[in-house]
Amino acid sequence: MTKMQQKDASIRVETIESTPILHTIEIEVDASRVRKAFDRAYRDLAKQVRVKGFRPGKAPRSVLEKLHGASVAEQLEHTLVSETLADAIELAEVQPISEPAISAGKPALDASFKYTACLEVSPEIELPDFSGLPAIRPEVSVEDAEVDERLEELRVARAPLVEEGEGTAIARGHIATIDFVGRIDGEGFEGGSGQGVQLEIGADRFIPGFEDQLTGAQAGDDREVRVTFPESYGNAEVAGKQAVFAVHVVDVRKRQVPELDDEFAKDVGDFDSVDALRAKIRADLESGQERESKETFRTTLVDALLERMDFAAPPGMIDRQLQNQLASAQRRLEGQLDRDAIHAQLDRWREEWRPRAEREVREMLALQAIAKAQGIEVEDDEVRARIDELMGEPEQQAARLRELHEDEQLREALRHQLRDEKVLDFLASVTKIGESTGT
């Protein structure tokens, strides 16, 4: 679809709808406006440059054109675009969601200046029938066995290591302190040696088969351990290769697991009894399940919504969403991996994460369209209340609280979050919720 508009005779635009989300604006700036821009540029140039044989500001324009014509034209290309682009976009009646891609030539005196701006726009979204959207909300239910398992984890985590008596043979559950040197084809390799390493027998944290070959050894013994690194091992230089480790057993220890009694509960935290500790663990597990249930409900509800909606996500928005995620991941990796390893990992994630980024953009646009259609808005008081909720009310946080209330970017992000929550509440009121006890 093509549409032509004109503004005060100096700008004419023709809009070409290449796709529903990609528009091309062809802009023509009238020759008279171009001439005025040239005149202004050369007047300013005459005041700034010195030309041999002429007093400051007195060099003829013909001389300036000969010496600086190319640079003036290049400068005016950017000037004319920056001066007219906003008006051209307004005249074209489009709302870009990304920076336009500009294609322009050099302007010439006494000729109109033409350039094109390719820009992405939000897609026209046709809202579907919301009734009966299927969604799953897993049931929140904590079994006694789950509480018992968490209690046992606490007991093991707080168990001191006690050295076994002389002559004790290593068995499953023991923690052996070992020194080792590994070789492949008689040569050492990076990460193949260690001293004072604690190894829990049966935990399967070392190379498969390593722990089994220490069973029966005692403190002071030396063992030769032969293993084959898995093909999927993280270090490609040793993956799939056979290695021989010379292992010296320094000592053998076991965990002294404390009794599950009221004294243990007091050691864990501010609990008077095991029953109080058990109640806190149950409450924490229920809280975690509730969060997971809400997230599952949100995901399945939005998935069902997007299946009923047929619109494409603008590639530029997908790229920005993906780039933000990669930038965050890069900050987390810095200091853990070298630069080459980080870039290699980011390259892999760039391909793997793109479908997720596309889905997130479609979700954002869909919820935004529903909010607009339903008149769903978020008041300033609601944003302030959410900030207070996030920070709590301790007096020592008052200064930080003021900073957050004044952070425009944070307030806008919370406004969008609250708006999305309201949209999801609206959708939940008309959807078909399926309960699930699966995990």
Protein backbone atom coordinates (compact mmCIF):
# COMPACT_ATOMS: atom_id res chain seq x y z
CA MET A 1 0.00 0.00 0.00
CA THR A 2 1.34 3.44 -0.97
CA LYS A 3 0.34 6.81 0.51
CA MET A 4 1.65 10.29 -0.42
CA GLN A 5 1.56 13.38 1.82
CA GLN A 6 3.07 16.87 1.64
CA LYS A 7 3.94 19.46 4.30
CA ASP A 8 4.33 23.22 3.71
CA ALA A 9 5.68 22.54 0.19
CA SER A 10 9.18 21.81 1.53
CA ILE A 11 8.71 18.10 2.37
CA ARG A 12 6.87 15.44 0.40
CA VAL A 13 6.62 11.87 1.64
CA GLU A 14 5.45 8.66 0.07
CA THR A 15 4.83 5.72 2.38
CA ILE A 16 5.18 2.18 1.09
CA GLU A 17 3.90 -0.60 3.34
CA SER A 18 6.39 -3.33 2.45
CA THR A 19 4.95 -5.67 5.11
CA PRO A 20 2.52 -5.12 8.00
CA ILE A 21 5.51 -4.37 10.26
CA LEU A 22 7.96 -2.78 7.80
CA HIS A 23 7.25 0.59 6.19
CA THR A 24 9.46 2.53 3.80
CA ILE A 25 9.12 6.30 3.67
CA GLU A 26 10.46 8.05 0.60
CA ILE A 27 11.18 11.66 1.53
CA GLU A 28 11.81 14.53 -0.88
CA VAL A 29 13.07 17.88 0.42
CA ASP A 30 12.25 20.79 -1.88
CA ALA A 31 15.14 22.37 -3.83
CA SER A 32 14.53 25.78 -2.27
CA ARG A 33 15.05 24.37 1.22
CA VAL A 34 18.19 22.59 0.04
CA ARG A 35 19.56 25.86 -1.39
CA LYS A 36 18.92 27.65 1.91
CA ALA A 37 20.77 24.86 3.72
CA PHE A 38 23.75 25.25 1.36
CA ASP A 39 23.73 29.05 1.80
CA ARG A 40 23.66 28.72 5.58
CA ALA A 41 26.44 26.10 5.57
CA TYR A 42 28.79 28.22 3.47
CA ARG A 43 28.12 31.33 5.57
CA ASP A 44 29.05 29.42 8.70
CA LEU A 45 32.07 27.88 6.96
CA ALA A 46 33.37 31.29 5.84
CA LYS A 47 33.46 32.41 9.48
CA GLN A 48 35.35 29.33 10.63
CA VAL A 49 38.06 28.60 8.03
CA ARG A 50 41.08 30.60 6.94
CA VAL A 51 41.94 30.65 3.24
CA LYS A 52 45.39 31.81 2.20
CA GLY A 53 45.23 35.17 0.43
CA PHE A 54 41.90 36.24 1.94
CA ARG A 55 41.01 38.00 5.15
CA PRO A 56 39.02 35.96 7.73
CA GLY A 57 35.42 35.60 6.58
CA LYS A 58 36.10 37.16 3.15
CA ALA A 59 36.91 34.09 1.05
CA PRO A 60 34.57 33.88 -1.98
CA ARG A 61 32.03 31.12 -1.96
CA SER A 62 33.42 29.76 -5.24
CA VAL A 63 36.75 29.20 -3.49
CA LEU A 64 35.06 27.54 -0.52
CA GLU A 65 33.08 25.28 -2.84
CA LYS A 66 36.28 24.20 -4.59
CA LEU A 67 38.11 23.51 -1.32
CA HIS A 68 35.32 22.13 0.86
CA GLY A 69 32.42 21.22 -1.44
CA ALA A 70 32.56 17.47 -0.76
CA SER A 71 32.63 17.85 3.03
CA VAL A 72 29.80 20.44 2.96
CA ALA A 73 27.62 18.09 0.92
CA GLU A 74 28.35 15.23 3.31
CA GLN A 75 27.53 17.43 6.28
CA LEU A 76 24.28 18.63 4.69
CA GLU A 77 23.19 15.05 4.03
CA HIS A 78 23.13 14.44 7.79
CA THR A 79 21.73 17.91 8.54
CA LEU A 80 18.80 17.66 6.14
CA VAL A 81 17.92 14.18 7.35
CA SER A 82 18.01 15.19 11.02
CA GLU A 83 15.97 18.35 10.31
CA THR A 84 13.24 16.64 8.29
CA LEU A 85 12.96 13.04 9.50
CA ALA A 86 10.70 13.70 12.49
CA ASP A 87 8.31 15.78 10.36
CA ALA A 88 8.36 13.13 7.64
CA ILE A 89 7.46 10.38 10.12
CA GLU A 90 4.64 12.50 11.54
CA LEU A 91 3.39 13.26 8.04
CA ALA A 92 3.49 9.55 7.16
CA GLU A 93 1.32 8.86 10.23
CA VAL A 94 3.41 5.97 11.48
CA GLN A 95 4.81 5.20 14.93
CA PRO A 96 8.23 3.56 14.60
CA ILE A 97 9.37 1.10 17.26
CA SER A 98 13.01 1.14 16.20
CA GLU A 99 15.57 3.54 14.79
CA PRO A 100 14.92 4.02 11.05
CA ALA A 101 17.50 2.75 8.56
CA ILE A 102 18.39 5.72 6.35
CA SER A 103 19.54 5.53 2.75
CA ALA A 104 20.57 8.84 1.18
CA GLY A 105 22.80 10.33 -1.44
CA LYS A 106 24.68 13.63 -1.38
CA PRO A 107 22.50 16.74 -1.76
CA ALA A 108 23.18 19.00 -4.75
CA LEU A 109 22.61 22.72 -5.17
CA ASP A 110 19.36 23.69 -6.97
CA ALA A 111 18.03 20.13 -6.80
CA SER A 112 15.62 18.44 -4.43
CA PHE A 113 17.15 16.06 -1.87
CA LYS A 114 15.72 12.57 -1.69
CA TYR A 115 16.26 9.84 0.88
CA THR A 116 14.44 6.81 2.24
CA ALA A 117 13.76 5.69 5.81
CA CYS A 118 12.95 2.04 6.48
CA LEU A 119 11.33 1.53 9.86
CA GLU A 120 9.49 -1.07 11.85
CA VAL A 121 6.05 -0.41 13.27
CA SER A 122 3.92 -2.29 15.75
CA PRO A 123 1.77 -4.85 13.97
CA GLU A 124 -1.96 -4.38 13.76
CA ILE A 125 -3.17 -6.99 16.24
CA GLU A 126 -6.61 -8.50 15.88
CA LEU A 127 -7.76 -9.72 19.27
CA PRO A 128 -9.31 -13.19 19.42
CA ASP A 129 -12.21 -14.52 21.46
CA PHE A 130 -10.78 -14.88 24.99
CA SER A 131 -13.47 -17.16 26.37
CA GLY A 132 -12.42 -20.66 27.33
CA LEU A 133 -8.65 -20.15 27.08
CA PRO A 134 -7.17 -23.36 28.50
CA ALA A 135 -4.63 -22.94 31.29
CA ILE A 136 -3.11 -25.19 33.93
CA ARG A 137 -2.68 -24.27 37.59
CA PRO A 138 -0.82 -27.04 39.45
CA GLU A 139 -2.21 -27.87 42.87
CA VAL A 140 -0.15 -26.68 45.83
CA SER A 141 0.37 -29.62 48.16
CA VAL A 142 3.41 -30.44 50.32
CA GLU A 143 3.78 -34.05 51.41
CA ASP A 144 5.32 -35.09 54.73
CA ALA A 145 8.04 -36.92 52.80
CA GLU A 146 9.16 -33.65 51.21
CA VAL A 147 9.51 -32.02 54.62
CA ASP A 148 11.44 -35.05 55.90
CA GLU A 149 13.76 -34.88 52.90
CA ARG A 150 14.53 -31.20 53.51
CA LEU A 151 15.17 -31.91 57.21
CA GLU A 152 17.59 -34.67 56.25
CA GLU A 153 19.41 -32.30 53.90
CA LEU A 154 19.78 -29.84 56.79
CA ARG A 155 21.16 -32.56 59.07
CA VAL A 156 23.73 -33.63 56.48
CA ALA A 157 24.71 -30.04 55.69
CA ARG A 158 25.39 -29.39 59.41
CA ALA A 159 27.19 -32.66 60.06
CA PRO A 160 30.86 -32.22 61.04
CA LEU A 161 33.46 -34.46 59.40
CA VAL A 162 35.06 -36.85 61.86
CA GLU A 163 38.26 -38.73 61.00
CA GLU A 164 37.90 -42.52 61.02
CA GLY A 165 40.20 -44.74 63.03
CA GLU A 166 43.41 -46.20 61.62
CA GLY A 167 42.84 -49.09 59.23
CA THR A 168 39.31 -48.06 58.23
CA ALA A 169 38.61 -49.11 54.64
CA ILE A 170 36.96 -46.57 52.35
CA ALA A 171 33.28 -47.36 51.74
CA ARG A 172 30.28 -45.62 50.25
CA GLY A 173 29.43 -42.50 52.24
CA HIS A 174 33.00 -41.86 53.38
CA ILE A 175 34.75 -38.59 52.55
CA ALA A 176 38.32 -39.27 51.47
CA THR A 177 40.96 -36.55 51.33
CA ILE A 178 43.24 -37.33 48.38
CA ASP A 179 46.23 -36.07 46.42
CA PHE A 180 46.32 -37.12 42.78
CA VAL A 181 48.26 -36.69 39.54
CA GLY A 182 46.62 -37.66 36.24
CA ARG A 183 48.30 -38.46 32.93
CA ILE A 184 47.12 -39.19 29.41
CA ASP A 185 49.62 -41.12 27.28
CA GLY A 186 52.18 -40.42 29.99
CA GLU A 187 51.69 -36.65 29.88
CA GLY A 188 50.07 -34.43 32.48
CA PHE A 189 47.11 -32.27 31.47
CA GLU A 190 45.37 -29.13 32.68
CA GLY A 191 43.18 -29.80 35.71
CA GLY A 192 44.54 -33.33 36.08
CA SER A 193 46.27 -32.84 39.43
CA GLY A 194 45.11 -31.82 42.90
CA GLN A 195 46.09 -31.83 46.55
CA GLY A 196 43.90 -32.07 49.63
CA VAL A 197 40.79 -32.72 47.55
CA GLN A 198 37.80 -34.04 49.50
CA LEU A 199 35.90 -36.73 47.61
CA GLU A 200 32.60 -38.18 48.80
CA ILE A 201 32.49 -41.83 47.82
CA GLY A 202 29.24 -42.67 46.03
CA ALA A 203 28.31 -39.07 45.21
CA ASP A 204 29.47 -39.57 41.58
CA ARG A 205 31.02 -36.12 41.36
CA PHE A 206 34.28 -37.27 39.74
CA ILE A 207 34.88 -39.05 36.46
CA PRO A 208 32.75 -42.23 36.23
CA GLY A 209 34.59 -45.15 37.83
CA PHE A 210 37.07 -43.01 39.79
CA GLU A 211 35.37 -43.31 43.20
CA ASP A 212 34.68 -47.04 42.84
CA GLN A 213 38.39 -47.77 42.46
CA LEU A 214 39.17 -46.18 45.84
CA THR A 215 36.78 -48.47 47.72
CA GLY A 216 38.70 -50.56 50.25
CA ALA A 217 41.73 -48.25 50.42
CA GLN A 218 42.93 -46.88 53.76
CA ALA A 219 44.58 -43.67 54.92
CA GLY A 220 48.16 -43.66 53.67
CA ASP A 221 47.50 -46.03 50.74
CA ASP A 222 48.44 -45.32 47.14
CA ARG A 223 46.17 -46.42 44.30
CA GLU A 224 46.40 -46.35 40.51
CA VAL A 225 43.03 -45.35 39.05
CA ARG A 226 42.28 -45.88 35.37
CA VAL A 227 39.31 -44.10 33.81
CA THR A 228 37.97 -42.93 30.46
CA PHE A 229 36.69 -39.39 30.18
CA PRO A 230 33.12 -39.20 28.78
CA GLU A 231 32.78 -38.00 25.18
CA SER A 232 30.61 -35.16 26.48
CA TYR A 233 33.22 -33.99 29.00
CA GLY A 234 33.51 -30.21 29.23
CA ASN A 235 37.23 -30.13 28.33
CA ALA A 236 37.43 -31.13 24.65
CA GLU A 237 41.17 -31.87 24.93
CA VAL A 238 40.56 -34.86 27.22
CA ALA A 239 37.01 -35.88 26.24
CA GLY A 240 36.83 -39.55 25.28
CA LYS A 241 40.47 -40.26 26.28
CA GLN A 242 41.86 -42.76 28.78
CA ALA A 243 43.72 -41.42 31.80
CA VAL A 244 45.76 -42.92 34.64
CA PHE A 245 45.72 -41.24 38.05
CA ALA A 246 48.25 -41.81 40.81
CA VAL A 247 46.19 -41.32 43.97
CA HIS A 248 47.41 -40.99 47.56
CA VAL A 249 44.77 -41.28 50.32
CA VAL A 250 45.54 -38.67 53.00
CA ASP A 251 42.71 -39.50 55.43
CA VAL A 252 39.26 -41.06 55.63
CA ARG A 253 36.36 -39.27 57.30
CA LYS A 254 32.64 -39.63 57.84
CA ARG A 255 29.85 -37.21 58.60
CA GLN A 256 28.59 -37.18 62.17
CA VAL A 257 24.95 -36.42 61.49
CA PRO A 258 23.27 -34.67 64.45
CA GLU A 259 20.16 -36.05 66.10
CA LEU A 260 16.87 -34.58 64.92
CA ASP A 261 15.81 -33.03 68.20
CA ASP A 262 14.90 -29.65 69.66
CA GLU A 263 18.57 -28.75 70.19
CA PHE A 264 19.20 -29.26 66.48
CA ALA A 265 16.24 -26.98 65.65
CA LYS A 266 17.71 -24.26 67.89
CA ASP A 267 21.09 -24.60 66.16
CA VAL A 268 19.46 -24.20 62.73
CA GLY A 269 17.73 -20.94 63.63
CA ASP A 270 15.26 -19.24 65.91
CA PHE A 271 13.13 -22.34 66.49
CA ASP A 272 12.00 -23.65 69.89
CA SER A 273 11.37 -27.18 68.66
CA VAL A 274 11.63 -29.58 65.74
CA ASP A 275 7.91 -29.05 65.15
CA ALA A 276 8.49 -25.32 64.69
CA LEU A 277 11.35 -26.02 62.26
CA ARG A 278 9.19 -28.51 60.40
CA ALA A 279 6.38 -25.94 60.12
CA LYS A 280 8.77 -23.35 58.67
CA ILE A 281 10.10 -25.83 56.12
CA ARG A 282 6.56 -26.72 55.09
CA ALA A 283 5.65 -23.04 54.72
CA ASP A 284 8.74 -22.41 52.58
CA LEU A 285 7.97 -25.41 50.36
CA GLU A 286 4.35 -24.28 49.96
CA SER A 287 5.52 -20.77 49.07
CA GLY A 288 7.85 -22.19 46.43
CA GLN A 289 5.11 -24.38 44.99
CA GLU A 290 2.75 -21.41 44.92
CA ARG A 291 5.27 -19.40 42.87
CA GLU A 292 5.75 -22.31 40.48
CA SER A 293 1.99 -22.79 40.19
CA LYS A 294 1.48 -19.12 39.33
CA GLU A 295 4.28 -19.24 36.76
CA THR A 296 2.87 -22.39 35.15
CA PHE A 297 -0.56 -20.77 35.02
CA ARG A 298 0.85 -17.63 33.42
CA THR A 299 2.91 -19.59 30.87
CA THR A 300 0.11 -21.93 29.81
CA LEU A 301 -2.41 -19.06 29.69
CA VAL A 302 -0.17 -16.88 27.48
CA ASP A 303 0.72 -19.87 25.29
CA ALA A 304 -2.97 -20.51 24.68
CA LEU A 305 -3.54 -16.82 23.98
CA LEU A 306 -0.71 -16.58 21.45
CA GLU A 307 -1.95 -19.70 19.65
CA ARG A 308 -5.16 -17.79 18.90
CA MET A 309 -3.36 -14.69 17.66
CA ASP A 310 -1.78 -14.39 14.22
CA PHE A 311 0.79 -11.60 14.07
CA ALA A 312 4.53 -11.38 13.52
CA ALA A 313 6.98 -9.92 16.01
CA PRO A 314 9.12 -7.13 14.51
CA PRO A 315 12.69 -8.45 13.98
CA GLY A 316 14.20 -5.28 15.47
CA MET A 317 12.31 -5.79 18.73
CA ILE A 318 13.42 -9.43 18.83
CA ASP A 319 17.04 -8.36 18.26
CA ARG A 320 16.88 -5.83 21.11
CA GLN A 321 15.27 -8.33 23.48
CA LEU A 322 17.89 -10.93 22.60
CA GLN A 323 20.74 -8.44 22.92
CA ASN A 324 19.58 -7.39 26.38
CA GLN A 325 19.55 -11.02 27.50
CA LEU A 326 23.00 -11.67 26.03
CA ALA A 327 24.42 -8.53 27.66
CA SER A 328 23.10 -9.69 31.03
CA ALA A 329 24.58 -13.15 30.48
CA GLN A 330 27.94 -11.65 29.51
CA ARG A 331 28.08 -9.66 32.75
CA ARG A 332 27.48 -12.89 34.72
CA LEU A 333 30.21 -14.76 32.82
CA GLU A 334 32.89 -12.10 33.10
CA GLY A 335 35.54 -13.19 35.57
CA GLN A 336 34.54 -16.85 35.23
CA LEU A 337 35.67 -17.53 31.64
CA ASP A 338 38.21 -15.97 29.30
CA ARG A 339 37.08 -13.63 26.55
CA ASP A 340 37.18 -16.22 23.73
CA ALA A 341 35.15 -18.72 25.76
CA ILE A 342 32.58 -16.05 26.64
CA HIS A 343 32.17 -15.00 23.00
CA ALA A 344 31.84 -18.63 21.88
CA GLN A 345 29.16 -19.24 24.50
CA LEU A 346 27.29 -16.06 23.59
CA ASP A 347 27.35 -17.06 19.90
CA ARG A 348 25.70 -20.38 20.81
CA TRP A 349 23.11 -18.68 22.99
CA ARG A 350 22.36 -16.11 20.28
CA GLU A 351 20.91 -18.90 18.15
CA GLU A 352 19.41 -20.95 20.99
CA TRP A 353 17.66 -18.03 22.69
CA ARG A 354 16.15 -16.35 19.63
CA PRO A 355 12.87 -18.38 19.72
CA ARG A 356 12.41 -17.44 23.38
CA ALA A 357 13.08 -13.77 22.64
CA GLU A 358 10.53 -13.87 19.80
CA ARG A 359 7.95 -15.43 22.10
CA GLU A 360 8.58 -12.79 24.77
CA VAL A 361 8.12 -9.96 22.25
CA ARG A 362 4.86 -11.46 20.99
CA GLU A 363 3.65 -11.80 24.59
CA MET A 364 4.51 -8.16 25.33
CA LEU A 365 2.69 -6.90 22.23
CA ALA A 366 -0.34 -9.11 22.86
CA LEU A 367 -0.78 -8.01 26.48
CA GLN A 368 -0.26 -4.39 25.46
CA ALA A 369 -2.99 -4.68 22.82
CA ILE A 370 -5.41 -6.27 25.29
CA ALA A 371 -4.72 -3.56 27.89
CA LYS A 372 -5.47 -0.88 25.31
CA ALA A 373 -8.67 -2.59 24.14
CA GLN A 374 -9.92 -3.17 27.68
CA GLY A 375 -8.90 0.24 28.98
CA ILE A 376 -6.58 -1.30 31.56
CA GLU A 377 -4.32 1.32 33.14
CA VAL A 378 -2.01 1.59 36.14
CA GLU A 379 -2.19 4.61 38.45
CA ASP A 380 0.84 6.26 40.05
CA ASP A 381 -0.37 5.21 43.50
CA GLU A 382 -0.23 1.57 42.44
CA VAL A 383 3.38 1.94 41.27
CA ARG A 384 4.36 3.61 44.55
CA ALA A 385 2.65 0.84 46.52
CA ARG A 386 4.55 -1.83 44.58
CA ILE A 387 7.90 -0.12 45.31
CA ASP A 388 7.03 0.00 49.02
CA GLU A 389 6.07 -3.67 48.87
CA LEU A 390 9.39 -4.62 47.27
CA MET A 391 11.47 -2.75 49.85
CA GLY A 392 9.53 -3.33 53.05
CA GLU A 393 9.27 -0.65 55.72
CA PRO A 394 12.48 -0.66 57.86
CA GLU A 395 13.61 2.88 58.67
CA GLN A 396 17.17 2.17 57.53
CA GLN A 397 15.84 1.61 54.00
CA ALA A 398 14.16 5.01 53.79
CA ALA A 399 16.94 6.61 51.71
CA ARG A 400 17.02 3.72 49.26
CA LEU A 401 13.23 3.84 49.07
CA ARG A 402 13.34 7.50 48.05
CA GLU A 403 15.87 6.66 45.32
CA LEU A 404 13.59 3.97 43.92
CA HIS A 405 10.56 6.27 43.92
CA GLU A 406 12.60 8.79 41.90
CA ASP A 407 13.90 6.20 39.41
CA GLU A 408 11.81 6.86 36.30
CA GLN A 409 13.06 3.76 34.48
CA LEU A 410 12.14 1.51 37.42
CA ARG A 411 8.71 3.12 37.77
CA GLU A 412 7.99 2.57 34.09
CA ALA A 413 9.08 -1.08 34.29
CA LEU A 414 6.85 -1.64 37.32
CA ARG A 415 3.98 0.11 35.55
CA HIS A 416 4.27 -2.37 32.67
CA GLN A 417 4.53 -5.27 35.12
CA LEU A 418 1.41 -4.19 36.98
CA ARG A 419 -0.43 -3.63 33.71
CA ASP A 420 0.45 -7.16 32.56
CA GLU A 421 -0.73 -8.57 35.88
CA LYS A 422 -4.08 -6.82 35.42
CA VAL A 423 -4.39 -8.17 31.88
CA LEU A 424 -3.67 -11.70 33.12
CA ASP A 425 -6.26 -11.28 35.87
CA PHE A 426 -8.77 -10.27 33.19
CA LEU A 427 -7.88 -13.30 31.06
CA ALA A 428 -8.08 -15.58 34.11
CA SER A 429 -11.64 -14.42 34.69
CA VAL A 430 -12.73 -15.77 31.32
CA THR A 431 -10.47 -18.80 30.99
CA LYS A 432 -10.86 -22.50 31.66
CA ILE A 433 -8.44 -23.50 34.41
CA GLY A 434 -7.29 -27.09 34.64
CA GLU A 435 -5.90 -28.31 37.95
CA SER A 436 -2.83 -30.50 37.83
CA THR A 437 -1.01 -32.39 40.52
CA GLY A 438 1.92 -33.22 38.24
CA THR A 439 5.33 -31.66 38.69
